[in-house]
Amino acid sequence: MINGGSSTTVMTYKLDDERRLGYPLAFSTSLIPMKIAKRLGGKAYTAGMFLTDESEALFNKDRLKEIYQYKKENDPLNILNPGKVFPRSLDKNTPLALSG
């Protein structure tokens, strides 16, 4: 745990075996402590490839739009960290967008 005065960051780790057939799905178990933390008033400490929907809660809606606009202007080919921050609602071309 890291205490920053008004907030505390709790990092959790779960050991797993990448040779196990269900290993690619093991990430979903990390969402359980996050769900509990959110119920208690917490939030994700960062967005990422699988947590882009948390970006609005981290930055607020207007700030996220500003950041997205900056990214579009300065990285028009979407080379730098594609799909890592912006939810599909903003970035329709995210590499993680599911078809259909």
N, C-alpha and C. Protein backbone atom coordinates (compact mmCIF):
# COMPACT_ATOMS: atom_id res chain seq x y z
N MET A 1 0.84 -1.18 0.00
CA MET A 1 0.00 0.00 0.00
C MET A 1 0.88 1.24 0.00
N ILE A 2 0.42 2.25 -0.67
CA ILE A 2 1.10 3.54 -0.70
C ILE A 2 0.08 4.58 -0.26
N ASN A 3 0.37 5.30 0.79
CA ASN A 3 -0.56 6.29 1.30
C ASN A 3 -0.10 7.67 0.84
N GLY A 4 -0.99 8.38 0.13
CA GLY A 4 -0.66 9.70 -0.39
C GLY A 4 -1.44 10.79 0.30
N GLY A 5 -1.74 10.65 1.58
CA GLY A 5 -2.49 11.67 2.30
C GLY A 5 -3.98 11.46 2.14
N SER A 6 -4.56 11.96 1.05
CA SER A 6 -6.00 11.85 0.86
C SER A 6 -6.40 10.55 0.17
N SER A 7 -5.43 9.77 -0.29
CA SER A 7 -5.75 8.51 -0.96
C SER A 7 -4.69 7.46 -0.65
N THR A 8 -5.08 6.23 -0.83
CA THR A 8 -4.18 5.10 -0.63
C THR A 8 -4.24 4.21 -1.86
N THR A 9 -3.10 3.83 -2.37
CA THR A 9 -3.04 2.92 -3.51
C THR A 9 -2.76 1.52 -2.98
N VAL A 10 -3.56 0.59 -3.40
CA VAL A 10 -3.39 -0.80 -3.00
C VAL A 10 -3.10 -1.61 -4.27
N MET A 11 -1.92 -2.19 -4.33
CA MET A 11 -1.54 -3.02 -5.47
C MET A 11 -1.74 -4.47 -5.05
N THR A 12 -2.48 -5.21 -5.86
CA THR A 12 -2.68 -6.62 -5.56
C THR A 12 -2.03 -7.46 -6.66
N TYR A 13 -1.56 -8.61 -6.29
CA TYR A 13 -0.91 -9.52 -7.23
C TYR A 13 -1.50 -10.90 -7.07
N LYS A 14 -1.63 -11.58 -8.17
CA LYS A 14 -2.13 -12.94 -8.15
C LYS A 14 -1.19 -13.78 -9.00
N LEU A 15 -0.65 -14.80 -8.42
CA LEU A 15 0.23 -15.69 -9.16
C LEU A 15 -0.59 -16.60 -10.06
N ASP A 16 -0.06 -16.87 -11.21
CA ASP A 16 -0.74 -17.76 -12.15
C ASP A 16 0.32 -18.42 -13.02
N ASP A 17 -0.07 -19.39 -13.78
CA ASP A 17 0.83 -20.14 -14.64
C ASP A 17 0.45 -19.91 -16.10
N GLU A 18 1.33 -19.25 -16.85
CA GLU A 18 1.01 -18.92 -18.24
C GLU A 18 0.85 -20.15 -19.12
N ARG A 19 1.24 -21.31 -18.62
CA ARG A 19 1.06 -22.55 -19.39
C ARG A 19 -0.35 -23.12 -19.23
N ARG A 20 -1.08 -22.59 -18.26
CA ARG A 20 -2.43 -23.07 -18.00
C ARG A 20 -3.38 -22.63 -19.11
N LEU A 21 -4.26 -23.51 -19.53
CA LEU A 21 -5.17 -23.23 -20.64
C LEU A 21 -6.00 -21.97 -20.41
N GLY A 22 -6.49 -21.74 -19.22
CA GLY A 22 -7.33 -20.58 -18.94
C GLY A 22 -6.58 -19.32 -18.57
N TYR A 23 -5.26 -19.35 -18.69
CA TYR A 23 -4.45 -18.20 -18.29
C TYR A 23 -4.87 -16.88 -18.93
N PRO A 24 -5.17 -16.83 -20.23
CA PRO A 24 -5.56 -15.55 -20.82
C PRO A 24 -6.80 -14.92 -20.18
N LEU A 25 -7.62 -15.71 -19.55
CA LEU A 25 -8.83 -15.20 -18.91
C LEU A 25 -8.60 -14.83 -17.44
N ALA A 26 -7.42 -15.13 -16.91
CA ALA A 26 -7.15 -14.89 -15.49
C ALA A 26 -7.19 -13.41 -15.13
N PHE A 27 -6.96 -12.54 -16.10
CA PHE A 27 -7.01 -11.10 -15.84
C PHE A 27 -8.32 -10.70 -15.19
N SER A 28 -9.40 -11.34 -15.59
CA SER A 28 -10.72 -10.96 -15.08
C SER A 28 -10.81 -11.07 -13.56
N THR A 29 -10.02 -11.94 -12.95
CA THR A 29 -10.07 -12.06 -11.48
C THR A 29 -9.52 -10.81 -10.80
N SER A 30 -8.69 -10.04 -11.50
CA SER A 30 -8.17 -8.81 -10.90
C SER A 30 -9.24 -7.74 -10.81
N LEU A 31 -10.33 -7.92 -11.52
CA LEU A 31 -11.41 -6.94 -11.48
C LEU A 31 -12.25 -7.07 -10.22
N ILE A 32 -12.15 -8.19 -9.53
CA ILE A 32 -12.94 -8.39 -8.31
C ILE A 32 -12.54 -7.40 -7.21
N PRO A 33 -11.24 -7.29 -6.86
CA PRO A 33 -10.88 -6.29 -5.84
C PRO A 33 -11.20 -4.86 -6.30
N MET A 34 -11.07 -4.59 -7.60
CA MET A 34 -11.39 -3.25 -8.09
C MET A 34 -12.88 -2.95 -7.92
N LYS A 35 -13.70 -3.94 -8.18
CA LYS A 35 -15.14 -3.75 -8.02
C LYS A 35 -15.48 -3.45 -6.56
N ILE A 36 -14.84 -4.15 -5.65
CA ILE A 36 -15.06 -3.91 -4.22
C ILE A 36 -14.57 -2.52 -3.84
N ALA A 37 -13.39 -2.15 -4.33
CA ALA A 37 -12.84 -0.82 -4.03
C ALA A 37 -13.75 0.29 -4.55
N LYS A 38 -14.29 0.11 -5.74
CA LYS A 38 -15.19 1.13 -6.30
C LYS A 38 -16.46 1.25 -5.47
N ARG A 39 -16.93 0.13 -4.96
CA ARG A 39 -18.12 0.16 -4.11
C ARG A 39 -17.85 0.93 -2.82
N LEU A 40 -16.59 0.94 -2.39
CA LEU A 40 -16.19 1.65 -1.17
C LEU A 40 -15.69 3.07 -1.46
N GLY A 41 -15.87 3.53 -2.69
CA GLY A 41 -15.49 4.89 -3.04
C GLY A 41 -14.16 5.01 -3.75
N GLY A 42 -13.55 3.91 -4.08
CA GLY A 42 -12.25 3.94 -4.75
C GLY A 42 -12.38 4.04 -6.26
N LYS A 43 -11.24 4.05 -6.92
CA LYS A 43 -11.21 4.10 -8.37
C LYS A 43 -9.91 3.46 -8.85
N ALA A 44 -9.87 3.16 -10.13
CA ALA A 44 -8.65 2.63 -10.72
C ALA A 44 -7.58 3.71 -10.64
N TYR A 45 -6.33 3.33 -10.48
CA TYR A 45 -5.27 4.34 -10.40
C TYR A 45 -4.72 4.71 -11.77
N THR A 46 -5.08 3.95 -12.78
CA THR A 46 -4.64 4.24 -14.14
C THR A 46 -5.58 3.57 -15.13
N ALA A 47 -5.55 4.08 -16.33
CA ALA A 47 -6.27 3.40 -17.41
C ALA A 47 -5.26 2.50 -18.10
N GLY A 48 -5.69 1.75 -19.01
CA GLY A 48 -4.78 0.88 -19.75
C GLY A 48 -5.57 0.14 -20.80
N MET A 49 -4.93 -0.78 -21.42
CA MET A 49 -5.54 -1.49 -22.53
C MET A 49 -6.90 -2.10 -22.15
N PHE A 50 -7.01 -2.66 -20.97
CA PHE A 50 -8.24 -3.31 -20.58
C PHE A 50 -9.10 -2.45 -19.67
N LEU A 51 -8.66 -1.24 -19.37
CA LEU A 51 -9.42 -0.37 -18.46
C LEU A 51 -9.72 0.99 -19.08
N THR A 52 -9.85 1.04 -20.39
CA THR A 52 -10.11 2.33 -21.03
C THR A 52 -11.43 2.93 -20.57
N ASP A 53 -12.38 2.11 -20.15
CA ASP A 53 -13.65 2.64 -19.66
C ASP A 53 -13.49 3.38 -18.33
N GLU A 54 -12.36 3.21 -17.67
CA GLU A 54 -12.09 3.92 -16.41
C GLU A 54 -11.52 5.32 -16.65
N SER A 55 -11.14 5.63 -17.88
CA SER A 55 -10.47 6.90 -18.19
C SER A 55 -11.29 8.11 -17.80
N GLU A 56 -12.59 8.06 -18.05
CA GLU A 56 -13.43 9.21 -17.73
C GLU A 56 -13.45 9.48 -16.23
N ALA A 57 -13.49 8.43 -15.42
CA ALA A 57 -13.46 8.61 -13.97
C ALA A 57 -12.11 9.15 -13.50
N LEU A 58 -11.05 8.82 -14.20
CA LEU A 58 -9.72 9.28 -13.82
C LEU A 58 -9.46 10.73 -14.21
N PHE A 59 -9.91 11.13 -15.39
CA PHE A 59 -9.57 12.46 -15.92
C PHE A 59 -10.73 13.44 -15.90
N ASN A 60 -11.93 13.02 -15.84
CA ASN A 60 -13.21 13.68 -16.03
C ASN A 60 -13.46 13.84 -17.53
N LYS A 61 -14.71 13.94 -17.88
CA LYS A 61 -15.12 13.88 -19.29
C LYS A 61 -14.49 14.97 -20.15
N ASP A 62 -14.51 16.22 -19.68
CA ASP A 62 -13.98 17.32 -20.48
C ASP A 62 -12.47 17.21 -20.65
N ARG A 63 -11.76 16.88 -19.59
CA ARG A 63 -10.30 16.75 -19.67
C ARG A 63 -9.92 15.60 -20.59
N LEU A 64 -10.66 14.51 -20.55
CA LEU A 64 -10.38 13.37 -21.41
C LEU A 64 -10.54 13.75 -22.88
N LYS A 65 -11.56 14.54 -23.18
CA LYS A 65 -11.75 15.01 -24.56
C LYS A 65 -10.58 15.89 -24.99
N GLU A 66 -10.09 16.75 -24.09
CA GLU A 66 -8.94 17.60 -24.40
C GLU A 66 -7.71 16.76 -24.70
N ILE A 67 -7.48 15.76 -23.89
CA ILE A 67 -6.32 14.89 -24.07
C ILE A 67 -6.44 14.13 -25.40
N TYR A 68 -7.64 13.67 -25.71
CA TYR A 68 -7.86 12.94 -26.96
C TYR A 68 -7.61 13.85 -28.16
N GLN A 69 -8.09 15.07 -28.08
CA GLN A 69 -7.88 16.02 -29.18
C GLN A 69 -6.38 16.28 -29.36
N TYR A 70 -5.66 16.45 -28.27
CA TYR A 70 -4.21 16.66 -28.33
C TYR A 70 -3.53 15.46 -28.99
N LYS A 71 -3.95 14.27 -28.60
CA LYS A 71 -3.37 13.05 -29.19
C LYS A 71 -3.64 12.99 -30.69
N LYS A 72 -4.85 13.30 -31.11
CA LYS A 72 -5.17 13.27 -32.54
C LYS A 72 -4.33 14.27 -33.33
N GLU A 73 -4.12 15.44 -32.75
CA GLU A 73 -3.34 16.48 -33.45
C GLU A 73 -1.85 16.13 -33.52
N ASN A 74 -1.32 15.53 -32.47
CA ASN A 74 0.12 15.29 -32.38
C ASN A 74 0.55 13.88 -32.76
N ASP A 75 -0.41 12.99 -32.90
CA ASP A 75 -0.11 11.62 -33.31
C ASP A 75 -1.19 11.16 -34.30
N PRO A 76 -1.25 11.81 -35.48
CA PRO A 76 -2.33 11.52 -36.42
C PRO A 76 -2.35 10.08 -36.92
N LEU A 77 -1.21 9.40 -36.89
CA LEU A 77 -1.17 8.01 -37.35
C LEU A 77 -1.44 7.02 -36.21
N ASN A 78 -1.69 7.54 -35.01
CA ASN A 78 -2.02 6.72 -33.84
C ASN A 78 -0.95 5.66 -33.57
N ILE A 79 0.30 6.12 -33.59
CA ILE A 79 1.43 5.21 -33.39
C ILE A 79 1.73 5.01 -31.90
N LEU A 80 1.62 6.07 -31.11
CA LEU A 80 1.99 6.02 -29.70
C LEU A 80 0.87 5.46 -28.83
N ASN A 81 1.10 4.32 -28.26
CA ASN A 81 0.17 3.67 -27.33
C ASN A 81 -1.27 3.59 -27.83
N PRO A 82 -1.50 3.02 -29.00
CA PRO A 82 -2.88 2.91 -29.47
C PRO A 82 -3.71 2.01 -28.57
N GLY A 83 -4.91 2.46 -28.26
CA GLY A 83 -5.82 1.64 -27.46
C GLY A 83 -5.52 1.60 -25.98
N LYS A 84 -4.68 2.50 -25.47
CA LYS A 84 -4.26 2.39 -24.07
C LYS A 84 -4.98 3.34 -23.11
N VAL A 85 -5.62 4.38 -23.58
CA VAL A 85 -6.23 5.34 -22.67
C VAL A 85 -7.69 5.63 -23.03
N PHE A 86 -7.98 5.79 -24.30
CA PHE A 86 -9.27 6.32 -24.71
C PHE A 86 -10.29 5.22 -24.95
N PRO A 87 -11.47 5.37 -24.35
CA PRO A 87 -12.52 4.37 -24.56
C PRO A 87 -13.05 4.42 -25.99
N ARG A 88 -13.69 3.38 -26.38
CA ARG A 88 -14.21 3.28 -27.75
C ARG A 88 -15.20 4.41 -28.05
N SER A 89 -15.86 4.94 -27.03
CA SER A 89 -16.80 6.04 -27.25
C SER A 89 -16.10 7.26 -27.83
N LEU A 90 -14.80 7.42 -27.55
CA LEU A 90 -14.00 8.51 -28.12
C LEU A 90 -13.20 8.05 -29.33
N ASP A 91 -12.54 6.94 -29.19
CA ASP A 91 -11.62 6.45 -30.23
C ASP A 91 -12.24 5.25 -30.95
N LYS A 92 -12.97 5.54 -32.00
CA LYS A 92 -13.65 4.48 -32.76
C LYS A 92 -12.67 3.55 -33.46
N ASN A 93 -11.42 3.98 -33.62
CA ASN A 93 -10.42 3.18 -34.33
C ASN A 93 -9.46 2.46 -33.40
N THR A 94 -9.81 2.36 -32.14
CA THR A 94 -8.94 1.67 -31.21
C THR A 94 -8.68 0.24 -31.69
N PRO A 95 -7.45 -0.23 -31.57
CA PRO A 95 -7.16 -1.59 -32.02
C PRO A 95 -7.92 -2.67 -31.24
N LEU A 96 -8.43 -2.29 -30.09
CA LEU A 96 -9.17 -3.27 -29.27
C LEU A 96 -10.66 -3.29 -29.55
N ALA A 97 -11.12 -2.43 -30.47
CA ALA A 97 -12.54 -2.37 -30.77
C ALA A 97 -13.01 -3.69 -31.35
N LEU A 98 -14.06 -4.20 -30.79
CA LEU A 98 -14.63 -5.44 -31.29
C LEU A 98 -15.53 -5.12 -32.47
N SER A 99 -15.45 -5.93 -33.47
CA SER A 99 -16.31 -5.68 -34.63
C SER A 99 -17.74 -6.06 -34.28
N GLY A 100 -18.67 -5.35 -34.88
CA GLY A 100 -20.08 -5.68 -34.72
C GLY A 100 -20.75 -5.00 -33.65
